[in-house]
Protein backbone atom coordinates (compact mmCIF):
# COMPACT_ATOMS: atom_id res chain seq x y z
CA UNK A 1 0.07 0.02 -0.01
CA UNK A 2 1.48 3.36 -1.03
CA UNK A 3 1.85 6.17 1.42
CA UNK A 4 -0.56 8.22 -0.62
CA UNK A 5 -3.25 5.65 -0.28
CA UNK A 6 -2.62 5.21 3.50
CA UNK A 7 -3.18 8.95 4.12
CA UNK A 8 -6.39 8.99 1.83
CA UNK A 9 -7.73 6.01 3.83
CA UNK A 10 -6.72 7.78 7.24
CA UNK A 11 -8.35 10.84 6.07
CA UNK A 12 -11.62 9.24 5.34
CA UNK A 13 -11.61 7.51 8.65
CA UNK A 14 -10.98 10.51 10.56
CA UNK A 15 -13.45 12.45 8.53
CA UNK A 16 -16.22 9.91 9.27
CA UNK A 17 -15.15 9.83 13.12
CA UNK A 18 -15.65 13.62 13.04
CA UNK A 19 -19.08 13.44 11.77
CA UNK A 20 -19.99 10.84 14.58
CA UNK A 21 -18.54 13.04 17.16
CA UNK A 22 -20.41 16.02 15.99
CA UNK A 23 -23.55 13.90 16.06
CA UNK A 24 -23.16 12.98 19.48
CA UNK A 25 -22.12 16.41 20.89
CA UNK A 26 -24.34 18.06 23.17
CA UNK A 27 -23.22 21.38 22.69
CA UNK A 28 -23.37 21.46 18.95
CA UNK A 29 -26.64 23.46 19.00
CA UNK A 30 -24.70 26.33 20.48
CA UNK A 31 -22.84 26.98 17.36
CA UNK A 32 -25.88 28.88 15.73
CA UNK A 33 -25.52 31.46 18.40
CA UNK A 34 -22.36 32.96 16.97
CA UNK A 35 -21.70 34.67 13.68
CA UNK A 36 -19.57 32.42 11.80
CA UNK A 37 -18.40 31.48 8.27
CA UNK A 38 -16.82 28.86 6.33
CA UNK A 39 -13.39 29.46 7.88
CA UNK A 40 -12.20 27.04 10.88
CA UNK A 41 -11.85 29.65 13.74
CA UNK A 42 -9.31 28.33 16.18
CA UNK A 43 -8.29 31.66 17.51
CA UNK A 44 -11.02 32.21 20.22
CA UNK A 45 -8.11 32.07 22.84
CA UNK A 46 -7.24 35.70 21.47
CA UNK A 47 -10.40 36.90 20.53
CA UNK A 48 -13.78 34.94 20.69
CA UNK A 49 -16.22 34.79 18.02
CA UNK A 50 -19.30 37.27 17.79
CA UNK A 51 -22.51 36.07 19.59
CA UNK A 52 -25.48 36.77 17.58
CA UNK A 53 -27.13 38.48 20.42
CA UNK A 54 -24.69 41.29 20.61
CA UNK A 55 -25.29 43.31 17.69
CA UNK A 56 -29.33 43.74 18.21
CA UNK A 57 -28.39 44.77 21.98
CA UNK A 58 -25.79 47.23 21.22
CA UNK A 59 -28.30 48.92 18.65
CA UNK A 60 -30.81 48.99 21.52
CA UNK A 61 -28.11 50.53 23.96
CA UNK A 62 -27.04 53.19 21.23
CA UNK A 63 -30.27 54.26 19.78
CA UNK A 64 -32.74 53.68 22.75
CA UNK A 65 -30.81 53.95 26.20
CA UNK A 66 -28.10 56.30 24.89
CA UNK A 67 -30.02 57.99 21.97
CA UNK A 68 -33.35 58.48 23.79
CA UNK A 69 -32.97 57.98 27.53
CA UNK A 70 -29.49 59.65 27.73
CA UNK A 71 -28.43 60.28 31.33
CA UNK A 72 -31.44 58.60 32.71
CA UNK A 73 -29.95 55.18 31.42
CA UNK A 74 -27.65 55.22 34.43
CA UNK A 75 -30.72 54.39 36.63
CA UNK A 76 -33.44 53.32 34.44
CA UNK A 77 -31.18 50.93 32.08
CA UNK A 78 -29.27 49.89 34.80
CA UNK A 79 -25.78 51.23 33.72
CA UNK A 80 -24.62 52.14 37.08
CA UNK A 81 -24.97 48.62 38.59
CA UNK A 82 -23.77 46.82 35.36
CA UNK A 83 -20.03 45.95 36.92
CA UNK A 84 -21.49 44.06 39.62
CA UNK A 85 -24.35 42.47 37.62
CA UNK A 86 -22.24 41.16 35.08
CA UNK A 87 -19.73 40.12 37.51
CA UNK A 88 -22.43 37.98 39.01
CA UNK A 89 -22.98 36.28 35.52
CA UNK A 90 -19.48 35.64 35.21
CA UNK A 91 -19.23 34.04 38.85
CA UNK A 92 -20.62 30.72 38.00
CA UNK A 93 -18.06 30.35 35.15
CA UNK A 94 -15.04 30.59 37.37
CA UNK A 95 -16.69 28.86 40.76
CA UNK A 96 -17.61 31.95 42.78
CA UNK A 97 -20.51 32.99 44.68
CA UNK A 98 -22.11 36.28 43.91
CA UNK A 99 -21.07 39.51 45.38
CA UNK A 100 -17.20 38.95 44.76
CA UNK A 101 -16.38 39.90 41.03
CA UNK A 102 -16.50 43.29 39.56
CA UNK A 103 -16.10 43.86 35.75
CA UNK A 104 -14.25 46.89 34.49
CA UNK A 105 -10.84 48.24 33.44
CA UNK A 106 -8.30 46.12 31.60
CA UNK A 107 -6.72 42.81 32.81
CA UNK A 108 -3.29 44.65 33.25
CA UNK A 109 -5.01 47.34 35.51
CA UNK A 110 -6.69 44.59 37.52
CA UNK A 111 -3.48 42.68 38.19
CA UNK A 112 -1.93 45.98 39.39
CA UNK A 113 -4.72 46.39 41.87
CA UNK A 114 -4.59 42.80 42.94
CA UNK A 115 -1.00 42.66 43.44
CA UNK A 116 -0.35 45.74 45.38
CA UNK A 117 -3.77 44.93 47.49
CA UNK A 118 -2.33 41.50 48.10
CA UNK A 119 1.12 42.88 49.45
CA UNK A 120 -0.73 45.58 51.48
CA UNK A 121 -2.67 42.64 53.33
CA UNK A 122 0.65 40.62 53.85
CA UNK A 123 1.80 43.92 55.65
CA UNK A 124 -0.86 43.68 58.05
CA UNK A 125 1.03 40.94 59.66
CA UNK A 126 3.41 43.42 61.06
CA UNK A 127 6.47 41.40 61.07
CA UNK A 128 8.39 43.33 58.30
CA UNK A 129 9.80 40.16 56.72
CA UNK A 130 7.61 39.70 53.73
CA UNK A 131 9.65 41.76 51.25
CA UNK A 132 9.30 39.60 48.28
CA UNK A 133 6.88 39.01 45.40
CA UNK A 134 7.09 35.79 43.29
CA UNK A 135 5.79 36.07 39.74
CA UNK A 136 5.29 33.31 37.13
CA UNK A 137 8.52 33.61 35.10
CA UNK A 138 6.61 32.29 32.04
CA UNK A 139 3.84 34.63 32.28
CA UNK A 140 2.21 36.90 29.68
CA UNK A 141 4.84 39.85 29.21
CA UNK A 142 2.32 42.35 30.53
CA UNK A 143 1.79 40.53 33.83
CA UNK A 144 5.53 40.56 34.35
CA UNK A 145 5.87 44.37 33.89
CA UNK A 146 2.89 45.15 36.10
CA UNK A 147 4.42 42.90 38.81
CA UNK A 148 7.90 44.60 38.45
CA UNK A 149 6.09 47.96 38.85
CA UNK A 150 4.27 46.99 41.73
CA UNK A 151 7.30 45.72 43.50
CA UNK A 152 9.25 48.89 42.95
CA UNK A 153 6.05 50.86 44.10
CA UNK A 154 5.89 48.74 47.27
CA UNK A 155 9.51 48.51 48.14
CA UNK A 156 9.51 44.68 47.29
CA UNK A 157 11.88 42.48 45.47
CA UNK A 158 10.58 40.68 42.59
CA UNK A 159 11.39 37.30 41.99
CA UNK A 160 10.58 35.36 38.76
CA UNK A 161 10.00 31.41 39.00
CA UNK A 162 8.33 28.84 36.91
CA UNK A 163 4.99 27.50 38.76
CA UNK A 164 6.71 24.53 39.41
CA UNK A 165 9.41 26.17 41.42
CA UNK A 166 6.85 27.96 43.59
CA UNK A 167 6.46 25.49 46.49
CA UNK A 168 10.20 25.39 47.09
CA UNK A 169 10.58 29.31 46.51
CA UNK A 170 7.93 30.32 49.07
CA UNK A 171 9.38 31.39 52.54
CA UNK A 172 8.34 33.85 55.40
CA UNK A 173 9.72 36.56 53.08
CA UNK A 174 6.79 35.88 50.48
CA UNK A 175 4.15 38.67 50.51
CA UNK A 176 2.24 37.67 47.03
CA UNK A 177 2.46 35.41 44.33
CA UNK A 178 1.25 36.01 40.78
CA UNK A 179 0.36 33.00 38.72
CA UNK A 180 -1.32 32.02 35.17
CA UNK A 181 -3.81 29.32 35.53
CA UNK A 182 -3.06 28.32 31.69
CA UNK A 183 0.24 29.13 30.13
CA UNK A 184 -0.54 31.52 27.04
CA UNK A 185 2.13 30.17 24.84
CA UNK A 186 1.95 26.17 25.54
CA UNK A 187 -1.47 25.65 26.67
CA UNK A 188 -0.23 24.12 30.12
CA UNK A 189 -2.66 24.07 32.78
CA UNK A 190 -1.04 24.83 36.10
CA UNK A 191 -2.33 23.27 39.56
CA UNK A 192 -4.34 26.13 40.93
CA UNK A 193 -5.67 23.99 43.95
CA UNK A 194 -2.28 22.61 44.86
CA UNK A 195 -0.21 25.96 44.51
CA UNK A 196 -2.91 27.93 46.19
CA UNK A 197 -2.54 25.66 49.13
CA UNK A 198 1.18 26.00 49.28
CA UNK A 199 1.07 29.72 49.07
CA UNK A 200 -1.33 29.82 52.01
CA UNK A 201 0.69 27.52 53.89
CA UNK A 202 3.62 29.88 53.54
CA UNK A 203 1.17 32.74 54.89
CA UNK A 204 1.31 34.72 51.74
CA UNK A 205 -1.63 35.73 49.13
CA UNK A 206 -2.19 34.42 45.63
CA UNK A 207 -3.32 36.28 42.53
CA UNK A 208 -4.39 34.17 39.68
CA UNK A 209 -4.59 35.26 36.00
CA UNK A 210 -7.51 33.38 34.48
CA UNK A 211 -7.49 34.82 30.91
CA UNK A 212 -7.08 31.49 29.19
CA UNK A 213 -9.16 29.48 31.40
CA UNK A 214 -12.38 31.30 32.25
CA UNK A 215 -15.17 29.89 29.93
CA UNK A 216 -12.94 26.74 29.08
CA UNK A 217 -12.64 24.83 32.08
CA UNK A 218 -13.61 24.81 35.93
CA UNK A 219 -11.50 27.08 37.95
CA UNK A 220 -13.18 26.68 41.24
CA UNK A 221 -12.15 30.02 42.91
CA UNK A 222 -14.36 29.66 46.19
CA UNK A 223 -13.74 25.89 46.35
CA UNK A 224 -10.09 26.26 46.54
CA UNK A 225 -9.78 29.29 48.47
CA UNK A 226 -8.33 31.69 46.02
CA UNK A 227 -7.48 35.07 47.31
CA UNK A 228 -7.71 37.49 44.17
CA UNK A 229 -8.20 36.74 40.62
CA UNK A 230 -8.25 38.67 37.31
CA UNK A 231 -9.23 37.71 33.75
CA UNK A 232 -10.23 39.22 30.50
CA UNK A 233 -13.59 38.59 28.74
CA UNK A 234 -12.72 38.63 24.96
CA UNK A 235 -11.32 35.06 24.80
CA UNK A 236 -13.51 32.02 25.74
CA UNK A 237 -16.29 34.50 27.15
CA UNK A 238 -16.55 36.16 23.72
CA UNK A 239 -17.00 39.62 24.94
CA UNK A 240 -15.62 41.36 22.00
CA UNK A 241 -12.26 43.36 21.23
CA UNK A 242 -11.00 45.03 24.30
CA UNK A 243 -13.91 44.07 26.23
CA UNK A 244 -13.54 44.91 30.03
CA UNK A 245 -11.78 42.67 32.32
CA UNK A 246 -12.86 41.47 35.85
CA UNK A 247 -11.65 41.21 39.35
CA UNK A 248 -12.42 38.78 41.91
CA UNK A 249 -11.84 39.45 45.78
CA UNK A 250 -12.82 36.58 48.10
CA UNK A 251 -15.72 37.62 50.37
CA UNK A 252 -13.73 37.36 53.62
CA UNK A 253 -10.90 39.48 52.28
CA UNK A 254 -13.12 42.22 50.87
CA UNK A 255 -12.94 44.43 54.02
CA UNK A 256 -9.18 44.25 53.82
CA UNK A 257 -8.77 44.93 50.12
CA UNK A 258 -6.95 48.21 49.94
CA UNK A 259 -6.91 49.29 46.19
CA UNK A 260 -4.05 51.36 44.89
CA UNK A 261 -6.35 52.97 42.57
CA UNK A 262 -9.04 54.40 44.65
CA UNK A 263 -11.68 56.10 42.11
CA UNK A 264 -14.76 58.07 42.70
CA UNK A 265 -16.86 54.99 41.75
CA UNK A 266 -15.44 52.70 44.43
CA UNK A 267 -16.35 55.35 47.09
CA UNK A 268 -18.91 54.60 49.56
CA UNK A 269 -20.83 57.58 48.62
CA UNK A 270 -19.77 58.19 45.16
CA UNK A 271 -22.18 61.20 44.29
CA UNK A 272 -21.34 62.88 47.54
CA UNK A 273 -17.98 64.05 46.25
CA UNK A 274 -16.22 64.07 49.46
CA UNK A 275 -12.69 65.35 49.32
CA UNK A 276 -11.55 62.07 51.41
CA UNK A 277 -11.81 58.58 50.24
CA UNK A 278 -14.12 56.06 51.98
CA UNK A 279 -14.06 52.64 50.32
CA UNK A 280 -17.22 51.17 49.40
CA UNK A 281 -18.27 47.72 50.86
CA UNK A 282 -18.15 44.32 48.99
CA UNK A 283 -17.06 43.92 45.15
CA UNK A 284 -17.45 47.76 44.34
CA UNK A 285 -14.19 48.31 46.31
CA UNK A 286 -12.62 47.05 43.00
CA UNK A 287 -14.05 49.69 40.54
CA UNK A 288 -12.24 52.72 39.60
CA UNK A 289 -13.73 55.29 37.14
CA UNK A 290 -16.90 55.51 35.04
CA UNK A 291 -17.83 52.05 33.70
CA UNK A 292 -17.19 51.77 29.98
CA UNK A 293 -21.07 50.95 29.15
CA UNK A 294 -20.79 50.13 25.42
CA UNK A 295 -18.23 47.29 25.83
CA UNK A 296 -19.89 46.22 28.95
CA UNK A 297 -23.16 45.66 27.83
CA UNK A 298 -21.80 43.98 24.85
CA UNK A 299 -20.25 41.64 27.08
CA UNK A 300 -23.36 41.14 29.09
CA UNK A 301 -25.26 40.18 25.78
CA UNK A 302 -22.58 37.55 24.87
CA UNK A 303 -22.89 35.91 28.23
CA UNK A 304 -26.44 35.08 27.29
CA UNK A 305 -24.89 32.13 25.29
CA UNK A 306 -24.50 30.52 28.74
CA UNK A 307 -28.11 31.36 30.00
CA UNK A 308 -30.51 30.49 27.17
CA UNK A 309 -30.66 34.17 25.73
CA UNK A 310 -31.73 35.63 29.06
CA UNK A 311 -30.11 39.00 29.28
CA UNK A 312 -29.40 40.54 32.72
CA UNK A 313 -31.70 43.36 33.09
CA UNK A 314 -34.72 40.94 31.63
CA UNK A 315 -33.72 38.48 34.27
CA UNK A 316 -33.62 40.99 37.06
CA UNK A 317 -37.00 42.25 36.17
CA UNK A 318 -38.65 39.04 36.10
CA UNK A 319 -37.11 37.35 39.00
CA UNK A 320 -34.95 34.81 36.71
CA UNK A 321 -31.55 36.16 37.23
CA UNK A 322 -28.74 33.65 36.86
CA UNK A 323 -25.95 35.11 38.74
CA UNK A 324 -25.91 32.46 41.34
CA UNK A 325 -23.01 29.92 42.12
CA UNK A 326 -25.19 27.14 40.96
CA UNK A 327 -26.29 28.64 37.76
CA UNK A 328 -23.74 27.32 35.31
CA UNK A 329 -22.61 24.43 37.20
CA UNK A 330 -26.18 22.85 37.79
CA UNK A 331 -27.02 23.83 34.12
CA UNK A 332 -28.91 26.85 33.00
CA UNK A 333 -31.85 27.43 30.57
CA UNK A 334 -29.31 27.04 27.65
CA UNK A 335 -28.25 23.52 29.21
CA UNK A 336 -24.62 24.83 29.35
CA UNK A 337 -22.35 23.69 32.28
CA UNK A 338 -18.61 24.42 32.48
CA UNK A 339 -18.19 20.59 33.10
CA UNK A 340 -19.59 19.78 29.62
CA UNK A 341 -17.44 22.49 28.17
CA UNK A 342 -14.30 20.97 29.56
CA UNK A 343 -15.26 17.63 28.66
CA UNK A 344 -15.63 18.63 24.89
CA UNK A 345 -12.57 20.86 25.04
CA UNK A 346 -10.46 17.81 26.01
CA UNK A 347 -12.20 15.63 23.49
CA UNK A 348 -11.35 18.31 20.81
CA UNK A 349 -7.68 18.46 21.85
CA UNK A 350 -7.38 15.08 21.94
CA UNK A 351 -8.86 14.42 18.49
CA UNK A 352 -6.79 17.60 16.99
CA UNK A 353 -3.45 15.75 18.23
CA UNK A 354 -4.62 12.58 16.80
CA UNK A 355 -5.25 14.06 13.35
CA UNK A 356 -2.15 15.99 13.42
CA UNK A 357 -0.20 12.89 14.13
CA UNK A 358 -2.03 11.00 11.23
CA UNK A 359 -1.77 14.04 8.57
CA UNK A 360 1.35 15.92 9.39
CA UNK A 361 4.87 14.70 8.06
CA UNK A 362 6.80 12.90 10.88
CA UNK A 363 9.09 15.30 12.66
CA UNK A 364 7.78 18.17 11.16
CA UNK A 365 6.01 19.61 14.34
CA UNK A 366 6.49 19.34 18.07
CA UNK A 367 3.51 19.55 20.53
CA UNK A 368 4.28 21.93 23.52
CA UNK A 369 0.98 21.17 25.02
CA UNK A 370 0.78 18.40 27.66
CA UNK A 371 -0.83 15.16 26.80
CA UNK A 372 -2.24 14.74 30.20
CA UNK A 373 -5.82 16.25 30.73
CA UNK A 374 -4.93 17.51 33.95
CA UNK A 375 -2.15 19.73 32.54
CA UNK A 376 -3.80 20.82 29.54
CA UNK A 377 -5.92 23.88 28.83
CA UNK A 378 -8.11 24.47 25.90
CA UNK A 379 -5.53 25.03 23.28
CA UNK A 380 -2.60 23.17 21.33
CA UNK A 381 0.66 24.69 20.75
CA UNK A 382 2.99 23.19 18.06
CA UNK A 383 6.61 24.19 17.50
CA UNK A 384 7.07 24.32 13.87
CA UNK A 385 10.10 25.67 11.66
CA UNK A 386 8.88 28.60 9.60
CA UNK A 387 5.89 28.86 11.91
CA UNK A 388 5.11 32.48 10.79
CA UNK A 389 5.01 31.64 6.98
CA UNK A 390 2.90 28.41 8.00
CA UNK A 391 0.35 30.28 9.93
CA UNK A 392 -0.05 32.84 7.11
CA UNK A 393 -0.65 29.79 4.48
CA UNK A 394 -3.14 28.22 6.87
CA UNK A 395 -5.08 31.52 7.42
CA UNK A 396 -5.15 31.89 3.60
CA UNK A 397 -6.85 28.49 3.29
CA UNK A 398 -9.28 29.33 5.77
CA UNK A 399 -7.79 27.91 8.88
CA UNK A 400 -7.30 30.39 11.50
CA UNK A 401 -4.92 30.18 14.41
CA UNK A 402 -2.14 32.38 15.32
CA UNK A 403 1.71 32.50 15.52
CA UNK A 404 3.96 33.15 18.80
CA UNK A 405 7.50 34.14 18.06
CA UNK A 406 9.85 32.41 17.50
CA UNK A 407 8.33 29.09 16.29
CA UNK A 408 4.88 28.37 17.58
CA UNK A 409 1.44 27.67 16.16
CA UNK A 410 -1.31 28.05 18.54
CA UNK A 411 -4.59 26.55 17.93
CA UNK A 412 -7.34 27.52 20.41
CA UNK A 413 -10.60 25.46 20.83
CA UNK A 414 -13.92 27.28 21.85
CA UNK A 415 -16.04 24.18 22.65
CA UNK A 416 -19.16 26.45 22.36
CA UNK A 417 -18.73 26.80 18.49
CA UNK A 418 -15.96 24.61 17.29
CA UNK A 419 -16.89 21.37 15.88
CA UNK A 420 -14.87 17.99 15.32
CA UNK A 421 -15.11 18.49 11.62
CA UNK A 422 -13.42 21.81 12.01
CA UNK A 423 -10.77 20.06 13.93
CA UNK A 424 -10.12 17.44 11.20
CA UNK A 425 -10.06 20.08 8.60
CA UNK A 426 -7.58 21.99 10.25
CA UNK A 427 -5.28 19.02 10.96
CA UNK A 428 -5.64 18.03 7.25
CA UNK A 429 -4.84 21.56 5.89
CA UNK A 430 -2.03 21.67 8.34
CA UNK A 431 -0.41 18.47 7.06
CA UNK A 432 -1.14 19.32 3.32
CA UNK A 433 0.65 22.72 3.81
CA UNK A 434 3.71 21.39 5.58
CA UNK A 435 3.71 18.69 2.77
CA UNK A 436 3.98 21.12 -0.04
CA UNK A 437 6.74 23.21 1.76
CA UNK A 438 9.12 20.22 1.79
């Protein structure tokens, strides 16, 4: 049997399996809730696809709430309470009870708030020894930049270590630790429960960056006692380009949360315009300035995918709000659970790796993503010579991933809209492209 015949038979077999897997996929119906075309979109780990509910919602916000109601919309349309209301809709997706997440600002700004606040809480111990901040040495660059600035501002030493090195690096000098749940480059999932416990055992505070995990896999913030967490909303939460980030502060730490960016909207009496600052109670302590309403309400509409299309304001007015800890985990009107999303994510990435092994010329790529499910996020990273050129060719053929310097092809798998047929096609086109470049 010739090599070409073997590849053809393998392709036929894998394509048939993709059809079977899609037929059995309980989440397949969600695909219709997104604006998609004929391309295979595997870049949801950078920017999620557009939910069909968003354009109509934004049209209403712009023409009716802003155009007709104007300033009245801060009260009548619920603009003022949006940061906390939308935070409560995100909460079930990261395993948090209501009242602990506020939406607003960028991930970078929220990382700064969280790290400085963690150091200030460590200062309350009063022993004067906690003079060190640990930061994930493999982190997204901005997190490292922010951590370095926070260390200078608080008079701490910054010590970069890999997540695996954290337990051994902890000591009575450690004030705070900033970690990524999923490595943005390789897709490696780090041990949030174990590392959180280790940080607490050392008497320090932990800040988790959830940008590459929220909406793709269970996080369990409350269950594992996480102190502080931040994340973006434009990846697996599909909030749109530049959509606002969020900040989680555990309930019992909220009275001690001392933000380095106290703004008027986080004041206990924001409209009294007092010259001295008095922090609000609860999650609003994480606010700073005026909420970015247009992008925030686009995010709120995007989250309807998880809740059967029930918008936040409608849910409030009808008493059917979904901002509870049980909402997503126990199943919503949409029948979406984070557990089912995680199961499909692992199935998609497993199938992709299998297809890559079948279609790609031997030795042409190397997977940087762990094969163990417990160590894998929702993306696959392949090291490849000429990766930049390869990705450009893939995109030209309708397979959209992204390139990370110097030699990494990244493919993100959003279970809400990626199909197994997409996966088979992407791997087949990758194999054909690499074969043509020999």
